[in-house]
N, C-alpha and C. Protein backbone atom coordinates (compact mmCIF):
# COMPACT_ATOMS: atom_id res chain seq x y z
N MET A 1 -25.53 46.42 13.24
CA MET A 1 -25.50 44.96 13.22
C MET A 1 -25.04 44.48 11.84
N MET A 2 -24.26 43.40 11.82
CA MET A 2 -23.73 42.85 10.56
C MET A 2 -24.81 42.13 9.78
N ASP A 3 -24.74 42.27 8.46
CA ASP A 3 -25.66 41.47 7.67
C ASP A 3 -25.11 40.04 7.54
N ARG A 4 -25.87 39.15 7.01
CA ARG A 4 -25.50 37.72 6.95
C ARG A 4 -24.24 37.46 6.12
N ILE A 5 -24.06 38.18 5.04
CA ILE A 5 -22.88 37.96 4.18
C ILE A 5 -21.61 38.33 4.92
N GLN A 6 -21.62 39.49 5.60
CA GLN A 6 -20.45 39.90 6.37
C GLN A 6 -20.16 38.90 7.48
N ARG A 7 -21.19 38.43 8.11
CA ARG A 7 -21.03 37.45 9.19
C ARG A 7 -20.47 36.14 8.65
N ALA A 8 -20.90 35.73 7.47
CA ALA A 8 -20.41 34.50 6.87
C ALA A 8 -18.92 34.60 6.55
N HIS A 9 -18.45 35.78 6.14
CA HIS A 9 -17.03 35.96 5.84
C HIS A 9 -16.16 35.79 7.08
N ILE A 10 -16.68 36.11 8.22
CA ILE A 10 -15.93 35.94 9.47
C ILE A 10 -15.60 34.47 9.69
N PHE A 11 -16.55 33.59 9.35
CA PHE A 11 -16.39 32.16 9.60
C PHE A 11 -15.85 31.38 8.40
N SER A 12 -15.57 32.05 7.29
CA SER A 12 -15.04 31.33 6.13
C SER A 12 -13.61 30.90 6.40
N SER A 13 -13.18 29.84 5.72
CA SER A 13 -11.84 29.31 5.95
C SER A 13 -10.79 30.30 5.45
N PHE A 14 -9.66 30.28 6.10
CA PHE A 14 -8.56 31.17 5.77
C PHE A 14 -7.45 30.36 5.12
N ASP A 15 -7.01 30.79 3.96
CA ASP A 15 -5.93 30.11 3.25
C ASP A 15 -4.65 30.92 3.47
N ALA A 16 -3.89 30.54 4.49
CA ALA A 16 -2.69 31.29 4.87
C ALA A 16 -1.60 31.19 3.82
N LEU A 17 -1.52 30.09 3.11
CA LEU A 17 -0.48 29.89 2.09
C LEU A 17 -1.12 29.85 0.71
N LYS A 18 -1.32 31.02 0.13
CA LYS A 18 -1.97 31.09 -1.18
C LYS A 18 -1.19 30.27 -2.20
N GLY A 19 -1.90 29.45 -2.96
CA GLY A 19 -1.28 28.64 -4.00
C GLY A 19 -0.69 27.33 -3.51
N PHE A 20 -0.66 27.11 -2.20
CA PHE A 20 -0.07 25.89 -1.66
C PHE A 20 -0.86 24.65 -2.07
N ARG A 21 -2.19 24.74 -2.04
CA ARG A 21 -3.02 23.58 -2.42
C ARG A 21 -2.82 23.23 -3.90
N GLU A 22 -2.71 24.24 -4.75
CA GLU A 22 -2.49 23.99 -6.18
C GLU A 22 -1.12 23.36 -6.39
N LEU A 23 -0.12 23.81 -5.65
CA LEU A 23 1.21 23.23 -5.75
C LEU A 23 1.20 21.76 -5.34
N LEU A 24 0.47 21.44 -4.28
CA LEU A 24 0.35 20.04 -3.86
C LEU A 24 -0.30 19.18 -4.93
N LYS A 25 -1.33 19.72 -5.58
CA LYS A 25 -1.99 18.96 -6.65
C LYS A 25 -1.03 18.68 -7.79
N ARG A 26 -0.21 19.68 -8.15
CA ARG A 26 0.75 19.49 -9.23
C ARG A 26 1.81 18.46 -8.83
N GLN A 27 2.17 18.42 -7.54
CA GLN A 27 3.17 17.46 -7.08
C GLN A 27 2.65 16.03 -7.13
N GLU A 28 1.33 15.84 -7.05
CA GLU A 28 0.75 14.50 -7.14
C GLU A 28 0.93 13.91 -8.54
N ARG A 29 1.04 14.75 -9.54
CA ARG A 29 1.17 14.30 -10.91
C ARG A 29 2.64 14.05 -11.22
N VAL A 30 3.00 12.80 -11.36
CA VAL A 30 4.36 12.42 -11.71
C VAL A 30 4.32 11.89 -13.14
N VAL A 31 4.91 12.62 -14.05
CA VAL A 31 4.87 12.25 -15.46
C VAL A 31 5.96 11.22 -15.74
N VAL A 32 5.58 10.14 -16.43
CA VAL A 32 6.52 9.08 -16.79
C VAL A 32 6.55 8.95 -18.32
N ALA A 33 7.56 8.28 -18.84
CA ALA A 33 7.70 8.12 -20.30
C ALA A 33 6.58 7.25 -20.87
N LYS A 34 6.16 7.57 -22.10
CA LYS A 34 5.10 6.82 -22.77
C LYS A 34 5.58 5.42 -23.12
N LYS A 35 4.69 4.45 -23.00
CA LYS A 35 5.03 3.04 -23.23
C LYS A 35 3.91 2.37 -24.02
N SER A 36 4.29 1.56 -25.01
CA SER A 36 3.28 0.77 -25.72
C SER A 36 3.34 -0.65 -25.17
N LEU A 37 2.18 -1.25 -25.02
CA LEU A 37 2.09 -2.58 -24.40
C LEU A 37 1.97 -3.68 -25.45
N SER A 38 2.70 -4.76 -25.24
CA SER A 38 2.60 -5.93 -26.10
C SER A 38 1.42 -6.78 -25.64
N GLU A 39 1.10 -7.81 -26.40
CA GLU A 39 0.03 -8.73 -26.01
C GLU A 39 0.34 -9.39 -24.66
N TYR A 40 1.60 -9.74 -24.48
CA TYR A 40 2.03 -10.36 -23.22
C TYR A 40 1.85 -9.38 -22.05
N ASP A 41 2.24 -8.10 -22.25
CA ASP A 41 2.07 -7.08 -21.22
C ASP A 41 0.60 -6.88 -20.87
N LEU A 42 -0.26 -6.89 -21.89
CA LEU A 42 -1.70 -6.73 -21.66
C LEU A 42 -2.27 -7.90 -20.86
N GLU A 43 -1.78 -9.10 -21.12
CA GLU A 43 -2.23 -10.28 -20.39
C GLU A 43 -1.83 -10.18 -18.91
N ILE A 44 -0.61 -9.75 -18.65
CA ILE A 44 -0.14 -9.58 -17.27
C ILE A 44 -0.94 -8.49 -16.56
N LEU A 45 -1.19 -7.39 -17.27
CA LEU A 45 -1.96 -6.28 -16.71
C LEU A 45 -3.37 -6.75 -16.33
N ASP A 46 -3.97 -7.58 -17.17
CA ASP A 46 -5.30 -8.13 -16.88
C ASP A 46 -5.27 -9.01 -15.62
N LYS A 47 -4.25 -9.83 -15.48
CA LYS A 47 -4.12 -10.68 -14.29
C LYS A 47 -3.93 -9.83 -13.04
N LYS A 48 -3.12 -8.79 -13.15
CA LYS A 48 -2.91 -7.89 -12.01
C LYS A 48 -4.23 -7.20 -11.62
N ALA A 49 -4.98 -6.76 -12.62
CA ALA A 49 -6.25 -6.09 -12.36
C ALA A 49 -7.20 -6.99 -11.59
N HIS A 50 -7.23 -8.27 -11.93
CA HIS A 50 -8.12 -9.21 -11.25
C HIS A 50 -7.62 -9.57 -9.85
N ALA A 51 -6.38 -9.25 -9.52
CA ALA A 51 -5.84 -9.51 -8.19
C ALA A 51 -6.02 -8.32 -7.24
N ILE A 52 -6.47 -7.19 -7.77
CA ILE A 52 -6.66 -5.99 -6.94
C ILE A 52 -7.87 -6.16 -6.04
N GLU A 53 -7.71 -5.73 -4.79
CA GLU A 53 -8.79 -5.82 -3.81
C GLU A 53 -9.02 -4.46 -3.16
N LYS A 54 -10.23 -4.24 -2.72
CA LYS A 54 -10.59 -3.02 -2.01
C LYS A 54 -9.73 -2.91 -0.74
N GLY A 55 -9.22 -1.71 -0.46
CA GLY A 55 -8.40 -1.48 0.72
C GLY A 55 -6.91 -1.65 0.48
N MET A 56 -6.54 -2.16 -0.68
CA MET A 56 -5.13 -2.39 -1.03
C MET A 56 -4.45 -1.04 -1.34
N MET A 57 -3.20 -0.88 -0.90
CA MET A 57 -2.39 0.28 -1.30
C MET A 57 -1.85 -0.02 -2.69
N LEU A 58 -2.19 0.82 -3.66
CA LEU A 58 -1.90 0.53 -5.06
C LEU A 58 -1.30 1.75 -5.75
N THR A 59 -0.34 1.50 -6.61
CA THR A 59 0.20 2.53 -7.49
C THR A 59 -0.25 2.20 -8.90
N VAL A 60 -0.84 3.17 -9.56
CA VAL A 60 -1.35 2.99 -10.92
C VAL A 60 -0.63 3.98 -11.83
N ILE A 61 -0.14 3.48 -12.95
CA ILE A 61 0.41 4.35 -13.98
C ILE A 61 -0.59 4.34 -15.13
N TYR A 62 -1.09 5.53 -15.48
CA TYR A 62 -2.17 5.62 -16.45
C TYR A 62 -2.04 6.88 -17.30
N TRP A 63 -2.72 6.87 -18.45
CA TRP A 63 -2.74 7.97 -19.40
C TRP A 63 -3.78 8.99 -18.98
N ASP A 64 -3.38 10.27 -18.90
CA ASP A 64 -4.32 11.32 -18.53
C ASP A 64 -3.96 12.61 -19.26
N ASN A 65 -4.82 13.04 -20.15
CA ASN A 65 -4.64 14.31 -20.87
C ASN A 65 -3.26 14.48 -21.49
N GLY A 66 -2.80 13.48 -22.20
CA GLY A 66 -1.54 13.59 -22.91
C GLY A 66 -0.30 13.16 -22.15
N ASP A 67 -0.44 12.78 -20.91
CA ASP A 67 0.69 12.34 -20.10
C ASP A 67 0.34 11.05 -19.37
N TYR A 68 1.36 10.25 -19.08
CA TYR A 68 1.16 9.13 -18.19
C TYR A 68 1.42 9.63 -16.78
N ILE A 69 0.52 9.30 -15.87
CA ILE A 69 0.56 9.76 -14.50
C ILE A 69 0.75 8.57 -13.57
N LYS A 70 1.51 8.76 -12.51
CA LYS A 70 1.72 7.74 -11.50
C LYS A 70 0.98 8.19 -10.24
N LYS A 71 -0.04 7.41 -9.83
CA LYS A 71 -0.86 7.76 -8.66
C LYS A 71 -0.84 6.62 -7.67
N THR A 72 -0.61 6.95 -6.40
CA THR A 72 -0.58 5.95 -5.34
C THR A 72 -1.65 6.28 -4.32
N GLY A 73 -2.37 5.26 -3.88
CA GLY A 73 -3.40 5.47 -2.86
C GLY A 73 -4.11 4.17 -2.54
N ILE A 74 -5.11 4.27 -1.69
CA ILE A 74 -5.91 3.13 -1.26
C ILE A 74 -7.02 2.87 -2.28
N VAL A 75 -7.19 1.62 -2.66
CA VAL A 75 -8.26 1.24 -3.59
C VAL A 75 -9.59 1.31 -2.83
N SER A 76 -10.49 2.14 -3.33
CA SER A 76 -11.81 2.22 -2.70
C SER A 76 -12.86 1.43 -3.47
N LYS A 77 -12.57 1.10 -4.75
CA LYS A 77 -13.52 0.30 -5.52
C LYS A 77 -12.83 -0.24 -6.77
N VAL A 78 -13.20 -1.45 -7.15
CA VAL A 78 -12.79 -2.04 -8.42
C VAL A 78 -14.06 -2.53 -9.10
N SER A 79 -14.32 -2.05 -10.32
CA SER A 79 -15.52 -2.45 -11.04
C SER A 79 -15.12 -3.03 -12.39
N PHE A 80 -15.35 -4.33 -12.55
CA PHE A 80 -15.05 -4.97 -13.84
C PHE A 80 -16.20 -4.77 -14.82
N ASP A 81 -17.42 -4.53 -14.30
CA ASP A 81 -18.55 -4.25 -15.17
C ASP A 81 -18.39 -2.88 -15.85
N GLU A 82 -17.99 -1.89 -15.04
CA GLU A 82 -17.81 -0.54 -15.57
C GLU A 82 -16.37 -0.28 -15.99
N ARG A 83 -15.49 -1.24 -15.73
CA ARG A 83 -14.10 -1.24 -16.19
C ARG A 83 -13.27 -0.07 -15.66
N TYR A 84 -13.21 0.05 -14.32
CA TYR A 84 -12.36 1.06 -13.72
C TYR A 84 -11.91 0.62 -12.33
N VAL A 85 -10.85 1.27 -11.85
CA VAL A 85 -10.38 1.12 -10.48
C VAL A 85 -10.45 2.52 -9.87
N GLN A 86 -10.91 2.59 -8.63
CA GLN A 86 -11.02 3.88 -7.96
C GLN A 86 -9.99 3.96 -6.85
N ILE A 87 -9.09 4.94 -6.96
CA ILE A 87 -8.08 5.21 -5.94
C ILE A 87 -8.58 6.42 -5.17
N VAL A 88 -8.96 6.20 -3.92
CA VAL A 88 -9.60 7.20 -3.07
C VAL A 88 -10.82 7.74 -3.82
N LYS A 89 -10.75 8.93 -4.42
CA LYS A 89 -11.91 9.50 -5.13
C LYS A 89 -11.74 9.51 -6.64
N ASP A 90 -10.55 9.12 -7.13
CA ASP A 90 -10.27 9.18 -8.56
C ASP A 90 -10.59 7.86 -9.25
N LYS A 91 -11.52 7.90 -10.22
CA LYS A 91 -11.84 6.72 -11.02
C LYS A 91 -10.90 6.69 -12.22
N ILE A 92 -10.20 5.57 -12.37
CA ILE A 92 -9.24 5.42 -13.46
C ILE A 92 -9.70 4.28 -14.35
N PRO A 93 -10.10 4.57 -15.59
CA PRO A 93 -10.55 3.51 -16.50
C PRO A 93 -9.42 2.54 -16.82
N PHE A 94 -9.75 1.26 -16.89
CA PHE A 94 -8.74 0.23 -17.18
C PHE A 94 -8.03 0.48 -18.52
N HIS A 95 -8.75 1.01 -19.52
CA HIS A 95 -8.12 1.19 -20.83
C HIS A 95 -7.02 2.27 -20.82
N GLN A 96 -6.94 3.08 -19.75
CA GLN A 96 -5.90 4.09 -19.64
C GLN A 96 -4.67 3.59 -18.87
N VAL A 97 -4.80 2.46 -18.18
CA VAL A 97 -3.75 1.96 -17.30
C VAL A 97 -2.68 1.20 -18.07
N ILE A 98 -1.40 1.45 -17.71
CA ILE A 98 -0.32 0.66 -18.30
C ILE A 98 0.37 -0.21 -17.25
N ASP A 99 0.16 0.08 -15.95
CA ASP A 99 0.75 -0.77 -14.92
C ASP A 99 0.07 -0.57 -13.58
N PHE A 100 -0.02 -1.67 -12.83
CA PHE A 100 -0.46 -1.68 -11.44
C PHE A 100 0.72 -2.17 -10.62
N GLN A 101 1.01 -1.49 -9.51
CA GLN A 101 2.09 -1.91 -8.63
C GLN A 101 1.60 -1.91 -7.19
N ALA A 102 1.89 -3.00 -6.48
CA ALA A 102 1.53 -3.12 -5.07
C ALA A 102 2.32 -4.27 -4.47
N GLU A 103 2.57 -4.20 -3.17
CA GLU A 103 3.29 -5.29 -2.50
C GLU A 103 2.54 -6.61 -2.65
N GLN A 104 1.22 -6.56 -2.54
CA GLN A 104 0.42 -7.78 -2.65
C GLN A 104 0.49 -8.41 -4.03
N LEU A 105 0.77 -7.61 -5.05
CA LEU A 105 0.85 -8.13 -6.42
C LEU A 105 2.22 -8.74 -6.72
N GLU A 106 3.23 -8.40 -5.93
CA GLU A 106 4.58 -8.89 -6.16
C GLU A 106 4.75 -10.36 -5.86
N CYS A 107 3.88 -10.92 -5.03
CA CYS A 107 4.02 -12.34 -4.65
C CYS A 107 3.54 -13.30 -5.75
N TYR A 108 2.85 -12.76 -6.76
CA TYR A 108 2.33 -13.61 -7.85
C TYR A 108 3.41 -13.84 -8.91
N GLU A 109 3.34 -15.00 -9.55
CA GLU A 109 4.20 -15.30 -10.70
C GLU A 109 3.47 -14.85 -11.95
N TRP A 110 3.93 -13.83 -12.58
CA TRP A 110 3.30 -13.34 -13.80
C TRP A 110 4.04 -13.95 -14.94
């Protein structure tokens, strides 16, 4: 009779394409050129942040470990008290963001 560990291995998930998940994660990271923001740019960014709503499809360009990253997804939370926007499961602090892009934000006059 099989012991529990051997039996558990039978039911463990099978990764048919080794390294495929890691490759997908790397593809999510789109590196863009570094940009410094003027006072006017910061004011517009603040207005955009206040127009973000839960459930909105949003693209965020933000600083992460030495690179600016472009991430697109559904907004699951916006917290002005804790100063972050959450795209699906990723919390992105406002101080790291250089741009918010969404169809809903395009209708505003900045």
